[in-house]
PDB file of N, CA and C in Angstrom:
ATOM      1  N   MET A   1      89.806  89.158 123.345  1.00  0.00           N
ATOM      2  CA  MET A   1      91.288  89.133 123.049  1.00  0.00           C
ATOM      3  C   MET A   1      91.368  89.246 121.980  1.00  0.00           C
ATOM      4  N   MET A   2      91.924  90.439 121.046  1.00  0.00           N
ATOM      5  CA  MET A   2      92.593  90.432 119.688  1.00  0.00           C
ATOM      6  C   MET A   2      93.310  91.470 120.334  1.00  0.00           C
ATOM      7  N   ARG A   3      95.207  90.671 119.695  1.00  0.00           N
ATOM      8  CA  ARG A   3      96.239  90.986 119.739  1.00  0.00           C
ATOM      9  C   ARG A   3      96.383  91.732 118.574  1.00  0.00           C
ATOM     10  N   LEU A   4      96.724  92.865 117.577  1.00  0.00           N
ATOM     11  CA  LEU A   4      96.816  92.976 116.603  1.00  0.00           C
ATOM     12  C   LEU A   4      98.779  94.251 116.747  1.00  0.00           C
ATOM     13  N   HIS A   5      99.339  93.501 115.807  1.00  0.00           N
ATOM     14  CA  HIS A   5     100.765  93.780 115.457  1.00  0.00           C
ATOM     15  C   HIS A   5     101.656  94.751 115.084  1.00  0.00           C
ATOM     16  N   TYR A   6     102.173  95.312 115.769  1.00  0.00           N
ATOM     17  CA  TYR A   6     102.966  96.037 115.072  1.00  0.00           C
ATOM     18  C   TYR A   6     103.639  95.034 112.734  1.00  0.00           C
ATOM     19  N   ASN A   7     103.598  96.006 112.384  1.00  0.00           N
ATOM     20  CA  ASN A   7     104.197  95.778 111.316  1.00  0.00           C
ATOM     21  C   ASN A   7     105.821  94.880 110.870  1.00  0.00           C
ATOM     22  N   LYS A   8     106.373  93.907 110.648  1.00  0.00           N
ATOM     23  CA  LYS A   8     108.203  93.265 111.059  1.00  0.00           C
ATOM     24  C   LYS A   8     108.587  94.292 110.460  1.00  0.00           C
ATOM     25  N   THR A   9     108.560  94.825 109.602  1.00  0.00           N
ATOM     26  CA  THR A   9     109.649  96.062 108.568  1.00  0.00           C
ATOM     27  C   THR A   9     109.725  97.459 109.976  1.00  0.00           C
ATOM     28  N   PHE A  10     109.279  97.276 109.949  1.00  0.00           N
ATOM     29  CA  PHE A  10     109.929  98.134 111.124  1.00  0.00           C
ATOM     30  C   PHE A  10     110.994  97.572 112.069  1.00  0.00           C
ATOM     31  N   GLY A  11     111.060  96.864 112.587  1.00  0.00           N
ATOM     32  CA  GLY A  11     112.098  95.557 113.399  1.00  0.00           C
ATOM     33  C   GLY A  11     113.348  95.513 112.389  1.00  0.00           C
ATOM     34  N   TYR A  12     112.738  95.243 111.146  1.00  0.00           N
ATOM     35  CA  TYR A  12     113.818  95.391 110.428  1.00  0.00           C
ATOM     36  C   TYR A  12     114.769  96.283 109.389  1.00  0.00           C
ATOM     37  N   ILE A  13     113.990  97.311 109.643  1.00  0.00           N
ATOM     38  CA  ILE A  13     114.381  98.943 109.643  1.00  0.00           C
ATOM     39  C   ILE A  13     115.724  99.203 110.620  1.00  0.00           C
ATOM     40  N   PHE A  14     114.964  99.134 112.019  1.00  0.00           N
ATOM     41  CA  PHE A  14     115.327  99.322 113.031  1.00  0.00           C
ATOM     42  C   PHE A  14     116.678  98.841 113.683  1.00  0.00           C
ATOM     43  N   ILE A  15     116.433  97.241 113.347  1.00  0.00           N
ATOM     44  CA  ILE A  15     117.742  96.733 113.961  1.00  0.00           C
ATOM     45  C   ILE A  15     119.433  96.658 113.731  1.00  0.00           C
ATOM     46  N   PRO A  16     118.795  96.497 112.146  1.00  0.00           N
ATOM     47  CA  PRO A  16     119.994  97.170 111.495  1.00  0.00           C
ATOM     48  C   PRO A  16     120.769  98.348 111.536  1.00  0.00           C
ATOM     49  N   LEU A  17     120.366  99.495 111.853  1.00  0.00           N
ATOM     50  CA  LEU A  17     120.696 100.795 112.502  1.00  0.00           C
ATOM     51  C   LEU A  17     121.004 100.867 113.325  1.00  0.00           C
ATOM     52  N   GLY A  18     120.463  99.966 114.517  1.00  0.00           N
ATOM     53  CA  GLY A  18     120.699 100.261 115.793  1.00  0.00           C
ATOM     54  C   GLY A  18     122.200  99.389 115.956  1.00  0.00           C
ATOM     55  N   LEU A  19     122.582  97.800 114.984  1.00  0.00           N
ATOM     56  CA  LEU A  19     123.600  97.768 114.878  1.00  0.00           C
ATOM     57  C   LEU A  19     124.649  98.386 114.316  1.00  0.00           C
ATOM     58  N   LEU A  20     124.296  99.229 113.559  1.00  0.00           N
ATOM     59  CA  LEU A  20     125.446 100.280 112.301  1.00  0.00           C
ATOM     60  C   LEU A  20     125.649 100.921 114.040  1.00  0.00           C
ATOM     61  N   ASN A  21     125.089 102.073 114.473  1.00  0.00           N
ATOM     62  CA  ASN A  21     125.491 103.063 115.473  1.00  0.00           C
ATOM     63  C   ASN A  21     126.076 102.145 116.533  1.00  0.00           C
ATOM     64  N   LEU A  22     125.972 101.058 116.665  1.00  0.00           N
ATOM     65  CA  LEU A  22     126.446 100.342 117.961  1.00  0.00           C
ATOM     66  C   LEU A  22     128.295  99.732 117.168  1.00  0.00           C
ATOM     67  N   VAL A  23     127.460  99.368 115.641  1.00  0.00           N
ATOM     68  CA  VAL A  23     129.620  99.123 115.462  1.00  0.00           C
ATOM     69  C   VAL A  23     130.168 100.008 115.287  1.00  0.00           C
ATOM     70  N   LEU A  24     129.737 101.738 115.157  1.00  0.00           N
ATOM     71  CA  LEU A  24     130.435 102.402 114.777  1.00  0.00           C
ATOM     72  C   LEU A  24     130.811 102.783 116.432  1.00  0.00           C
ATOM     73  N   GLY A  25     130.131 102.877 117.123  1.00  0.00           N
ATOM     74  CA  GLY A  25     130.382 103.611 118.168  1.00  0.00           C
ATOM     75  C   GLY A  25     131.606 102.920 119.138  1.00  0.00           C
ATOM     76  N   GLY A  26     131.644 101.323 119.507  1.00  0.00           N
ATOM     77  CA  GLY A  26     132.519 100.286 118.979  1.00  0.00           C
ATOM     78  C   GLY A  26     133.961 100.902 118.640  1.00  0.00           C
ATOM     79  N   ILE A  27     134.051 101.223 117.117  1.00  0.00           N
ATOM     80  CA  ILE A  27     135.317 101.424 116.710  1.00  0.00           C
ATOM     81  C   ILE A  27     135.857 102.495 117.520  1.00  0.00           C
ATOM     82  N   LEU A  28     134.800 103.286 117.588  1.00  0.00           N
ATOM     83  CA  LEU A  28     135.153 104.659 118.699  1.00  0.00           C
ATOM     84  C   LEU A  28     135.734 104.032 119.508  1.00  0.00           C
ATOM     85  N   LEU A  29     135.186 103.553 120.350  1.00  0.00           N
ATOM     86  CA  LEU A  29     135.392 103.135 121.751  1.00  0.00           C
ATOM     87  C   LEU A  29     137.090 102.318 121.863  1.00  0.00           C
ATOM     88  N   VAL A  30     136.697 101.545 121.277  1.00  0.00           N
ATOM     89  CA  VAL A  30     138.113 101.071 120.598  1.00  0.00           C
ATOM     90  C   VAL A  30     139.203 101.806 120.559  1.00  0.00           C
ATOM     91  N   ARG A  31     138.906 102.686 119.508  1.00  0.00           N
ATOM     92  CA  ARG A  31     140.329 104.076 119.696  1.00  0.00           C
ATOM     93  C   ARG A  31     139.702 105.179 120.599  1.00  0.00           C
ATOM     94  N   GLY A  32     139.986 104.486 121.742  1.00  0.00           N
ATOM     95  CA  GLY A  32     139.878 105.574 122.832  1.00  0.00           C
ATOM     96  C   GLY A  32     138.776 106.942 123.580  1.00  0.00           C
ATOM     97  N   GLN A  33     137.749 106.997 122.076  1.00  0.00           N
ATOM     98  CA  GLN A  33     137.121 108.193 122.261  1.00  0.00           C
ATOM     99  C   GLN A  33     135.596 107.396 122.623  1.00  0.00           C
ATOM    100  N   PHE A  34     134.449 107.953 123.502  1.00  0.00           N
ATOM    101  CA  PHE A  34     133.317 107.813 124.200  1.00  0.00           C
ATOM    102  C   PHE A  34     132.366 108.201 123.011  1.00  0.00           C
ATOM    103  N   SER A  35     131.628 107.190 122.432  1.00  0.00           N
ATOM    104  CA  SER A  35     130.467 107.663 121.271  1.00  0.00           C
ATOM    105  C   SER A  35     129.554 107.848 121.650  1.00  0.00           C
ATOM    106  N   ILE A  36     128.269 108.549 121.791  1.00  0.00           N
ATOM    107  CA  ILE A  36     126.761 108.098 122.179  1.00  0.00           C
ATOM    108  C   ILE A  36     125.903 107.390 121.120  1.00  0.00           C
ATOM    109  N   SER A  37     127.072 107.768 120.409  1.00  0.00           N
ATOM    110  CA  SER A  37     126.544 106.016 118.697  1.00  0.00           C
ATOM    111  C   SER A  37     125.956 104.974 120.010  1.00  0.00           C
ATOM    112  N   ILE A  38     126.802 104.176 120.838  1.00  0.00           N
ATOM    113  CA  ILE A  38     127.049 103.233 121.411  1.00  0.00           C
ATOM    114  C   ILE A  38     125.487 103.006 122.041  1.00  0.00           C
ATOM    115  N   ILE A  39     124.875 104.029 123.328  1.00  0.00           N
ATOM    116  CA  ILE A  39     123.484 104.061 123.455  1.00  0.00           C
ATOM    117  C   ILE A  39     122.377 103.928 123.246  1.00  0.00           C
ATOM    118  N   ILE A  40     122.748 104.887 121.997  1.00  0.00           N
ATOM    119  CA  ILE A  40     121.841 105.322 120.608  1.00  0.00           C
ATOM    120  C   ILE A  40     121.491 103.720 119.977  1.00  0.00           C
ATOM    121  N   GLY A  41     122.361 103.360 120.286  1.00  0.00           N
ATOM    122  CA  GLY A  41     122.361 102.018 118.844  1.00  0.00           C
ATOM    123  C   GLY A  41     121.377 100.856 119.528  1.00  0.00           C
ATOM    124  N   ILE A  42     122.446 100.313 120.952  1.00  0.00           N
ATOM    125  CA  ILE A  42     121.414  99.882 121.652  1.00  0.00           C
ATOM    126  C   ILE A  42     119.673 100.064 122.365  1.00  0.00           C
ATOM    127  N   ILE A  43     119.376 101.951 122.336  1.00  0.00           N
ATOM    128  CA  ILE A  43     118.602 101.934 122.241  1.00  0.00           C
ATOM    129  C   ILE A  43     117.691 101.719 121.159  1.00  0.00           C
ATOM    130  N   ILE A  44     117.805 101.735 119.536  1.00  0.00           N
ATOM    131  CA  ILE A  44     116.969 101.677 118.918  1.00  0.00           C
ATOM    132  C   ILE A  44     116.838  99.546 118.586  1.00  0.00           C
ATOM    133  N   ILE A  45     117.846  99.240 118.161  1.00  0.00           N
ATOM    134  CA  ILE A  45     118.041  98.021 118.804  1.00  0.00           C
ATOM    135  C   ILE A  45     116.998  97.815 119.546  1.00  0.00           C
ATOM    136  N   PHE A  46     116.658  97.847 121.121  1.00  0.00           N
ATOM    137  CA  PHE A  46     115.158  97.376 121.206  1.00  0.00           C
ATOM    138  C   PHE A  46     114.161  97.745 121.049  1.00  0.00           C
ATOM    139  N   LEU A  47     113.967  99.367 120.537  1.00  0.00           N
ATOM    140  CA  LEU A  47     112.529  99.879 119.572  1.00  0.00           C
ATOM    141  C   LEU A  47     112.065  98.842 118.538  1.00  0.00           C
ATOM    142  N   GLY A  48     114.006  98.255 117.866  1.00  0.00           N
ATOM    143  CA  GLY A  48     113.414  97.247 116.555  1.00  0.00           C
ATOM    144  C   GLY A  48     112.506  96.294 117.220  1.00  0.00           C
ATOM    145  N   TRP A  49     113.415  95.677 118.574  1.00  0.00           N
ATOM    146  CA  TRP A  49     112.918  94.115 119.162  1.00  0.00           C
ATOM    147  C   TRP A  49     111.172  94.143 119.508  1.00  0.00           C
ATOM    148  N   ALA A  50     111.004  95.565 120.459  1.00  0.00           N
ATOM    149  CA  ALA A  50     109.336  95.454 120.211  1.00  0.00           C
ATOM    150  C   ALA A  50     108.577  95.914 120.019  1.00  0.00           C
ATOM    151  N   TYR A  51     109.258  95.901 118.134  1.00  0.00           N
ATOM    152  CA  TYR A  51     108.453  96.637 116.960  1.00  0.00           C
ATOM    153  C   TYR A  51     108.030  94.934 116.401  1.00  0.00           C
ATOM    154  N   TRP A  52     108.836  94.667 116.810  1.00  0.00           N
ATOM    155  CA  TRP A  52     109.127  92.700 116.382  1.00  0.00           C
ATOM    156  C   TRP A  52     107.830  91.616 117.596  1.00  0.00           C
ATOM    157  N   HIS A  53     107.607  92.000 119.144  1.00  0.00           N
ATOM    158  CA  HIS A  53     107.440  91.868 119.577  1.00  0.00           C
ATOM    159  C   HIS A  53     106.184  92.417 120.290  1.00  0.00           C
ATOM    160  N   LYS A  54     105.799  93.202 120.046  1.00  0.00           N
ATOM    161  CA  LYS A  54     104.550  94.301 121.872  1.00  0.00           C
ATOM    162  C   LYS A  54     103.078  93.938 120.396  1.00  0.00           C
ATOM    163  N   PRO A  55     102.538  94.488 120.610  1.00  0.00           N
ATOM    164  CA  PRO A  55     101.103  94.738 120.497  1.00  0.00           C
ATOM    165  C   PRO A  55     100.997  96.653 120.298  1.00  0.00           C
ATOM    166  N   TYR A  56     100.430  96.100 118.838  1.00  0.00           N
ATOM    167  CA  TYR A  56     100.172  97.650 118.380  1.00  0.00           C
ATOM    168  C   TYR A  56      98.422  98.411 118.809  1.00  0.00           C
ATOM    169  N   ILE A  57      97.982  97.242 118.905  1.00  0.00           N
ATOM    170  CA  ILE A  57      96.900  97.669 118.991  1.00  0.00           C
ATOM    171  C   ILE A  57      95.934  96.037 119.686  1.00  0.00           C
ATOM    172  N   THR A  58      95.177  96.507 121.663  1.00  0.00           N
ATOM    173  CA  THR A  58      94.801  94.899 121.388  1.00  0.00           C
ATOM    174  C   THR A  58      93.075  95.438 121.350  1.00  0.00           C
ATOM    175  N   VAL A  59      92.011  94.972 120.940  1.00  0.00           N
ATOM    176  CA  VAL A  59      90.876  94.727 120.421  1.00  0.00           C
ATOM    177  C   VAL A  59      89.826  93.609 122.157  1.00  0.00           C
ATOM    178  N   GLU A  60      89.407  94.022 122.882  1.00  0.00           N
ATOM    179  CA  GLU A  60      89.630  93.553 124.032  1.00  0.00           C
ATOM    180  C   GLU A  60      87.529  93.810 123.193  1.00  0.00           C
ATOM    181  N   ASP A  61      86.182  93.310 124.144  1.00  0.00           N
ATOM    182  CA  ASP A  61      84.884  92.899 123.769  1.00  0.00           C
ATOM    183  C   ASP A  61      83.670  94.509 123.737  1.00  0.00           C
ATOM    184  N   LYS A  62      84.812  95.502 124.737  1.00  0.00           N
ATOM    185  CA  LYS A  62      84.442  96.953 124.220  1.00  0.00           C
ATOM    186  C   LYS A  62      85.285  98.420 124.135  1.00  0.00           C
ATOM    187  N   GLN A  63      86.265  97.634 124.242  1.00  0.00           N
ATOM    188  CA  GLN A  63      87.646  98.691 123.841  1.00  0.00           C
ATOM    189  C   GLN A  63      88.756  98.432 122.852  1.00  0.00           C
ATOM    190  N   PHE A  64      89.047  99.676 122.440  1.00  0.00           N
ATOM    191  CA  PHE A  64      89.812  99.271 121.785  1.00  0.00           C
ATOM    192  C   PHE A  64      91.451  99.709 122.575  1.00  0.00           C
ATOM    193  N   ILE A  65      93.018  99.284 122.566  1.00  0.00           N
ATOM    194  CA  ILE A  65      93.759 100.024 123.180  1.00  0.00           C
ATOM    195  C   ILE A  65      94.834  99.873 122.348  1.00  0.00           C
ATOM    196  N   ILE A  66      95.379 100.942 121.876  1.00  0.00           N
ATOM    197  CA  ILE A  66      96.360 101.183 121.728  1.00  0.00           C
ATOM    198  C   ILE A  66      97.980 101.787 122.023  1.00  0.00           C
ATOM    199  N   HIS A  67      98.394 101.374 122.279  1.00  0.00           N
ATOM    200  CA  HIS A  67      99.844 101.022 122.701  1.00  0.00           C
ATOM    201  C   HIS A  67     101.029 101.062 122.196  1.00  0.00           C
ATOM    202  N   THR A  68     102.215 102.163 123.091  1.00  0.00           N
ATOM    203  CA  THR A  68     103.279 102.734 122.230  1.00  0.00           C
ATOM    204  C   THR A  68     103.671 101.221 121.938  1.00  0.00           C
ATOM    205  N   PRO A  69     105.377 101.496 121.246  1.00  0.00           N
ATOM    206  CA  PRO A  69     106.370 100.131 120.782  1.00  0.00           C
ATOM    207  C   PRO A  69     106.347 100.139 122.196  1.00  0.00           C
ATOM    208  N   LEU A  70     107.052 100.336 123.390  1.00  0.00           N
ATOM    209  CA  LEU A  70     107.062  99.553 124.121  1.00  0.00           C
ATOM    210  C   LEU A  70     106.446  98.893 125.234  1.00  0.00           C
ATOM    211  N   GLY A  71     104.735  98.891 124.013  1.00  0.00           N
ATOM    212  CA  GLY A  71     103.890  97.571 125.032  1.00  0.00           C
ATOM    213  C   GLY A  71     102.459  98.473 125.677  1.00  0.00           C
ATOM    214  N   TRP A  72     103.312  99.916 125.847  1.00  0.00           N
ATOM    215  CA  TRP A  72     102.663 100.297 127.419  1.00  0.00           C
ATOM    216  C   TRP A  72     101.309 100.460 126.255  1.00  0.00           C
ATOM    217  N   PRO A  73      99.968 100.970 126.908  1.00  0.00           N
ATOM    218  CA  PRO A  73      98.714 101.531 126.459  1.00  0.00           C
ATOM    219  C   PRO A  73      98.456 103.351 126.950  1.00  0.00           C
ATOM    220  N   GLN A  74      98.190 103.332 125.021  1.00  0.00           N
ATOM    221  CA  GLN A  74      98.929 104.856 125.704  1.00  0.00           C
ATOM    222  C   GLN A  74      96.872 105.550 124.974  1.00  0.00           C
ATOM    223  N   ARG A  75      96.687 105.263 124.277  1.00  0.00           N
ATOM    224  CA  ARG A  75      94.908 104.929 124.498  1.00  0.00           C
ATOM    225  C   ARG A  75      94.081 103.965 124.430  1.00  0.00           C
ATOM    226  N   ILE A  76      92.841 104.853 124.825  1.00  0.00           N
ATOM    227  CA  ILE A  76      91.950 103.598 124.981  1.00  0.00           C
ATOM    228  C   ILE A  76      90.619 104.210 125.052  1.00  0.00           C
ATOM    229  N   TYR A  77      90.185 103.518 123.540  1.00  0.00           N
ATOM    230  CA  TYR A  77      88.823 103.510 122.682  1.00  0.00           C
ATOM    231  C   TYR A  77      87.819 103.171 122.905  1.00  0.00           C
ATOM    232  N   GLY A  78      86.587 103.581 123.923  1.00  0.00           N
ATOM    233  CA  GLY A  78      84.945 102.243 124.405  1.00  0.00           C
ATOM    234  C   GLY A  78      84.432 102.566 123.060  1.00  0.00           C
ATOM    235  N   TYR A  79      83.517 101.295 122.930  1.00  0.00           N
ATOM    236  CA  TYR A  79      82.197 101.151 122.032  1.00  0.00           C
ATOM    237  C   TYR A  79      81.353 100.806 123.357  1.00  0.00           C
ATOM    238  N   ASN A  80      79.987 100.313 122.821  1.00  0.00           N
ATOM    239  CA  ASN A  80      78.611 100.122 123.355  1.00  0.00           C
ATOM    240  C   ASN A  80      78.791  98.457 122.466  1.00  0.00           C
ATOM    241  N   SER A  81      78.778  98.533 121.246  1.00  0.00           N
ATOM    242  CA  SER A  81      78.480  96.938 120.708  1.00  0.00           C
ATOM    243  C   SER A  81      79.717  97.163 119.098  1.00  0.00           C
ATOM    244  N   PRO A  82      80.062  96.143 118.189  1.00  0.00           N
ATOM    245  CA  PRO A  82      80.250  95.656 117.131  1.00  0.00           C
ATOM    246  C   PRO A  82      80.075  97.008 116.189  1.00  0.00           C
ATOM    247  N   GLU A  83      78.419  97.568 116.316  1.00  0.00           N
ATOM    248  CA  GLU A  83      77.771  97.990 115.313  1.00  0.00           C
ATOM    249  C   GLU A  83      78.258  99.487 115.026  1.00  0.00           C
ATOM    250  N   ASP A  84      78.893  99.559 116.660  1.00  0.00           N
ATOM    251  CA  ASP A  84      79.782 101.405 117.184  1.00  0.00           C
ATOM    252  C   ASP A  84      81.142 101.067 115.863  1.00  0.00           C
ATOM    253  N   VAL A  85      81.730 100.156 115.354  1.00  0.00           N
ATOM    254  CA  VAL A  85      82.568 100.171 114.653  1.00  0.00           C
ATOM    255  C   VAL A  85      82.488  99.096 113.266  1.00  0.00           C
ATOM    256  N   LYS A  86      82.974 100.121 112.388  1.00  0.00           N
ATOM    257  CA  LYS A  86      83.229 100.208 111.329  1.00  0.00           C
ATOM    258  C   LYS A  86      84.605 100.669 110.638  1.00  0.00           C
ATOM    259  N   ILE A  87      84.875  99.659 109.492  1.00  0.00           N
ATOM    260  CA  ILE A  87      85.894  99.764 108.323  1.00  0.00           C
ATOM    261  C   ILE A  87      85.399 100.495 107.412  1.00  0.00           C
ATOM    262  N   ALA A  88      86.019 101.711 106.663  1.00  0.00           N
ATOM    263  CA  ALA A  88      86.046 101.746 105.544  1.00  0.00           C
ATOM    264  C   ALA A  88      86.898 102.755 105.045  1.00  0.00           C
ATOM    265  N   HIS A  89      87.350 102.716 104.120  1.00  0.00           N
ATOM    266  CA  HIS A  89      88.886 102.763 103.155  1.00  0.00           C
ATOM    267  C   HIS A  89      89.968 103.234 103.844  1.00  0.00           C
ATOM    268  N   LYS A  90      90.415 101.456 104.518  1.00  0.00           N
ATOM    269  CA  LYS A  90      91.507 101.517 105.434  1.00  0.00           C
ATOM    270  C   LYS A  90      90.959 102.600 106.567  1.00  0.00           C
ATOM    271  N   LYS A  91      89.874 102.957 106.873  1.00  0.00           N
ATOM    272  CA  LYS A  91      90.687 103.428 108.014  1.00  0.00           C
ATOM    273  C   LYS A  91      88.994 102.904 109.603  1.00  0.00           C
ATOM    274  N   ILE A  92      89.759 103.072 110.237  1.00  0.00           N
ATOM    275  CA  ILE A  92      88.722 102.806 111.705  1.00  0.00           C
ATOM    276  C   ILE A  92      88.138 103.743 112.366  1.00  0.00           C
ATOM    277  N   LEU A  93      86.555 103.531 111.839  1.00  0.00           N
ATOM    278  CA  LEU A  93      85.446 104.047 112.606  1.00  0.00           C
ATOM    279  C   LEU A  93      84.795 103.904 113.810  1.00  0.00           C
ATOM    280  N   LEU A  94      84.784 104.808 115.009  1.00  0.00           N
ATOM    281  CA  LEU A  94      84.283 104.439 115.881  1.00  0.00           C
ATOM    282  C   LEU A  94      82.705 105.067 116.229  1.00  0.00           C
ATOM    283  N   LYS A  95      82.042 104.955 116.594  1.00  0.00           N
ATOM    284  CA  LYS A  95      80.826 105.563 116.598  1.00  0.00           C
ATOM    285  C   LYS A  95      79.871 105.982 118.000  1.00  0.00           C
ATOM    286  N   GLN A  96      80.732 107.683 118.636  1.00  0.00           N
ATOM    287  CA  GLN A  96      80.919 108.128 119.521  1.00  0.00           C
ATOM    288  C   GLN A  96      79.659 109.491 119.817  1.00  0.00           C
ATOM    289  N   ASP A  97      79.197 109.485 120.925  1.00  0.00           N
ATOM    290  CA  ASP A  97      77.836 110.671 120.456  1.00  0.00           C
ATOM    291  C   ASP A  97      77.835 110.992 119.213  1.00  0.00           C
ATOM    292  N   GLY A  98      77.563 109.315 119.000  1.00  0.00           N
ATOM    293  CA  GLY A  98      76.189 109.135 117.690  1.00  0.00           C
ATOM    294  C   GLY A  98      77.362 110.003 116.391  1.00  0.00           C
ATOM    295  N   GLU A  99      78.242 109.883 116.897  1.00  0.00           N
ATOM    296  CA  GLU A  99      78.970 110.618 115.505  1.00  0.00           C
ATOM    297  C   GLU A  99      80.144 109.580 115.312  1.00  0.00           C
ATOM    298  N   TRP A 100      80.186 109.596 113.948  1.00  0.00           N
ATOM    299  CA  TRP A 100      81.335 108.608 113.499  1.00  0.00           C
ATOM    300  C   TRP A 100      82.886 109.284 114.039  1.00  0.00           C
ATOM    301  N   LYS A 101      83.947 108.971 114.195  1.00  0.00           N
ATOM    302  CA  LYS A 101      85.161 109.263 114.358  1.00  0.00           C
ATOM    303  C   LYS A 101      86.526 107.892 114.215  1.00  0.00           C
ATOM    304  N   ARG A 102      86.860 108.955 113.735  1.00  0.00           N
ATOM    305  CA  ARG A 102      88.800 107.754 113.043  1.00  0.00           C
ATOM    306  C   ARG A 102      89.073 107.752 113.816  1.00  0.00           C
ATOM    307  N   LEU A 103      89.886 106.224 114.484  1.00  0.00           N
ATOM    308  CA  LEU A 103      90.710 106.189 114.964  1.00  0.00           C
ATOM    309  C   LEU A 103      92.504 106.000 114.785  1.00  0.00           C
ATOM    310  N   PRO A 104      93.046 106.974 115.777  1.00  0.00           N
ATOM    311  CA  PRO A 104      94.786 106.696 114.923  1.00  0.00           C
ATOM    312  C   PRO A 104      94.700 105.906 115.009  1.00  0.00           C
ATOM    313  N   ILE A 105      94.374 104.892 113.887  1.00  0.00           N
ATOM    314  CA  ILE A 105      95.189 103.427 113.780  1.00  0.00           C
ATOM    315  C   ILE A 105      95.650 103.466 112.431  1.00  0.00           C
ATOM    316  N   SER A 106      96.804 102.963 111.954  1.00  0.00           N
ATOM    317  CA  SER A 106      97.038 103.178 110.350  1.00  0.00           C
ATOM    318  C   SER A 106      97.283 101.784 110.266  1.00  0.00           C
ATOM    319  N   LYS A 107      96.903 101.146 108.904  1.00  0.00           N
ATOM    320  CA  LYS A 107      96.874 100.215 108.376  1.00  0.00           C
ATOM    321  C   LYS A 107      98.089  99.840 107.773  1.00  0.00           C
ATOM    322  N   LEU A 108      99.129 100.836 107.240  1.00  0.00           N
ATOM    323  CA  LEU A 108     100.699 100.847 107.263  1.00  0.00           C
ATOM    324  C   LEU A 108     101.439  99.943 108.275  1.00  0.00           C
ATOM    325  N   ILE A 109     101.050 100.449 109.169  1.00  0.00           N
ATOM    326  CA  ILE A 109     101.973  99.835 110.340  1.00  0.00           C
ATOM    327  C   ILE A 109     101.459  99.070 111.369  1.00  0.00           C
ATOM    328  N   MET A 110     100.213  98.779 110.437  1.00  0.00           N
ATOM    329  CA  MET A 110      99.921  96.861 111.434  1.00  0.00           C
ATOM    330  C   MET A 110     100.046  95.603 110.334  1.00  0.00           C
ATOM    331  N   GLN A 111     100.299  94.741 111.301  1.00  0.00           N
ATOM    332  CA  GLN A 111     100.934  93.761 109.891  1.00  0.00           C
ATOM    333  C   GLN A 111      99.424  92.962 109.281  1.00  0.00           C
ATOM    334  N   PRO A 112      99.425  92.560 107.875  1.00  0.00           N
ATOM    335  CA  PRO A 112      98.384  92.853 107.103  1.00  0.00           C
ATOM    336  C   PRO A 112      97.237  90.926 107.106  1.00  0.00           C
ATOM    337  N   GLN A 113      98.219  90.574 108.075  1.00  0.00           N
ATOM    338  CA  GLN A 113      97.248  88.975 108.610  1.00  0.00           C
ATOM    339  C   GLN A 113      96.275  90.046 109.857  1.00  0.00           C
ATOM    340  N   ASP A 114      96.639  91.107 110.309  1.00  0.00           N
ATOM    341  CA  ASP A 114      96.031  91.164 111.760  1.00  0.00           C
ATOM    342  C   ASP A 114      95.175  92.006 111.045  1.00  0.00           C
ATOM    343  N   TRP A 115      95.490  93.115 109.975  1.00  0.00           N
ATOM    344  CA  TRP A 115      94.272  94.090 109.341  1.00  0.00           C
ATOM    345  C   TRP A 115      93.171  93.000 108.872  1.00  0.00           C
ATOM    346  N   LEU A 116      93.539  92.224 107.809  1.00  0.00           N
ATOM    347  CA  LEU A 116      92.634  90.974 107.385  1.00  0.00           C
ATOM    348  C   LEU A 116      91.849  90.582 109.043  1.00  0.00           C
ATOM    349  N   MET A 117      92.220  89.843 110.180  1.00  0.00           N
ATOM    350  CA  MET A 117      91.468  89.660 111.877  1.00  0.00           C
ATOM    351  C   MET A 117      90.563  90.756 111.668  1.00  0.00           C
ATOM    352  N   LEU A 118      90.990  91.898 111.669  1.00  0.00           N
ATOM    353  CA  LEU A 118      90.355  93.222 112.006  1.00  0.00           C
ATOM    354  C   LEU A 118      88.852  93.453 111.189  1.00  0.00           C
ATOM    355  N   GLN A 119      89.592  93.026 109.853  1.00  0.00           N
ATOM    356  CA  GLN A 119      88.010  93.244 108.747  1.00  0.00           C
ATOM    357  C   GLN A 119      86.835  92.326 109.756  1.00  0.00           C
ATOM    358  N   LYS A 120      87.576  90.990 109.416  1.00  0.00           N
ATOM    359  CA  LYS A 120      86.470  89.268 109.316  1.00  0.00           C
ATOM    360  C   LYS A 120      85.034  89.744 110.385  1.00  0.00           C
ATOM    361  N   ARG A 121      86.519  90.952 111.885  1.00  0.00           N
ATOM    362  CA  ARG A 121      85.467  90.946 112.930  1.00  0.00           C
ATOM    363  C   ARG A 121      84.248  91.609 112.905  1.00  0.00           C
ATOM    364  N   PHE A 122      84.618  93.333 112.195  1.00  0.00           N
ATOM    365  CA  PHE A 122      84.071  94.069 112.005  1.00  0.00           C
ATOM    366  C   PHE A 122      83.494  94.565 110.705  1.00  0.00           C
ATOM    367  N   GLY A 123      83.634  93.511 109.800  1.00  0.00           N
ATOM    368  CA  GLY A 123      83.855  93.745 108.360  1.00  0.00           C
ATOM    369  C   GLY A 123      84.005  94.970 107.748  1.00  0.00           C
ATOM    370  N   GLU A 124      84.291  95.475 106.924  1.00  0.00           N
ATOM    371  CA  GLU A 124      84.594  95.925 106.205  1.00  0.00           C
ATOM    372  C   GLU A 124      83.546  96.908 105.211  1.00  0.00           C
ATOM    373  N   ASP A 125      82.932  98.166 105.072  1.00  0.00           N
ATOM    374  CA  ASP A 125      82.117  99.442 103.882  1.00  0.00           C
ATOM    375  C   ASP A 125      83.028  99.725 102.946  1.00  0.00           C
ATOM    376  N   ARG A 126      82.854  99.419 101.760  1.00  0.00           N
ATOM    377  CA  ARG A 126      83.742  99.332 100.928  1.00  0.00           C
ATOM    378  C   ARG A 126      82.705 100.564 100.088  1.00  0.00           C
ATOM    379  N   GLY A 127      81.825 101.173 100.650  1.00  0.00           N
ATOM    380  CA  GLY A 127      81.139 102.120  99.471  1.00  0.00           C
ATOM    381  C   GLY A 127      81.644 103.868  99.734  1.00  0.00           C
TER     382      GLY A 127
END
């Protein structure tokens, strides 16, 4: 089983934005006004943390599992053999019913070292 993770940049963006919301909401709270930005800030911080720690994709023997940022499986794609998976033009293609179909997986969302691991496992067709 191979776990591929979200690019850490998302966490670096979300956590400061969440902290900003939390601080601004806290200032308003100290002044006697409740602001929804406190709740939004907490949610954004948690989402940033999830981007750092939760998997984006899990590759098992005969399936790709794409996860939400919270770690829950969102979609599962099965394949019969490693020959039914290829990487071409920075896209992952899966052979289903005799046709190659692109999986909704983005190289930009994935950590670069994880993309390299995926290329090593399935090879990349540069043509």
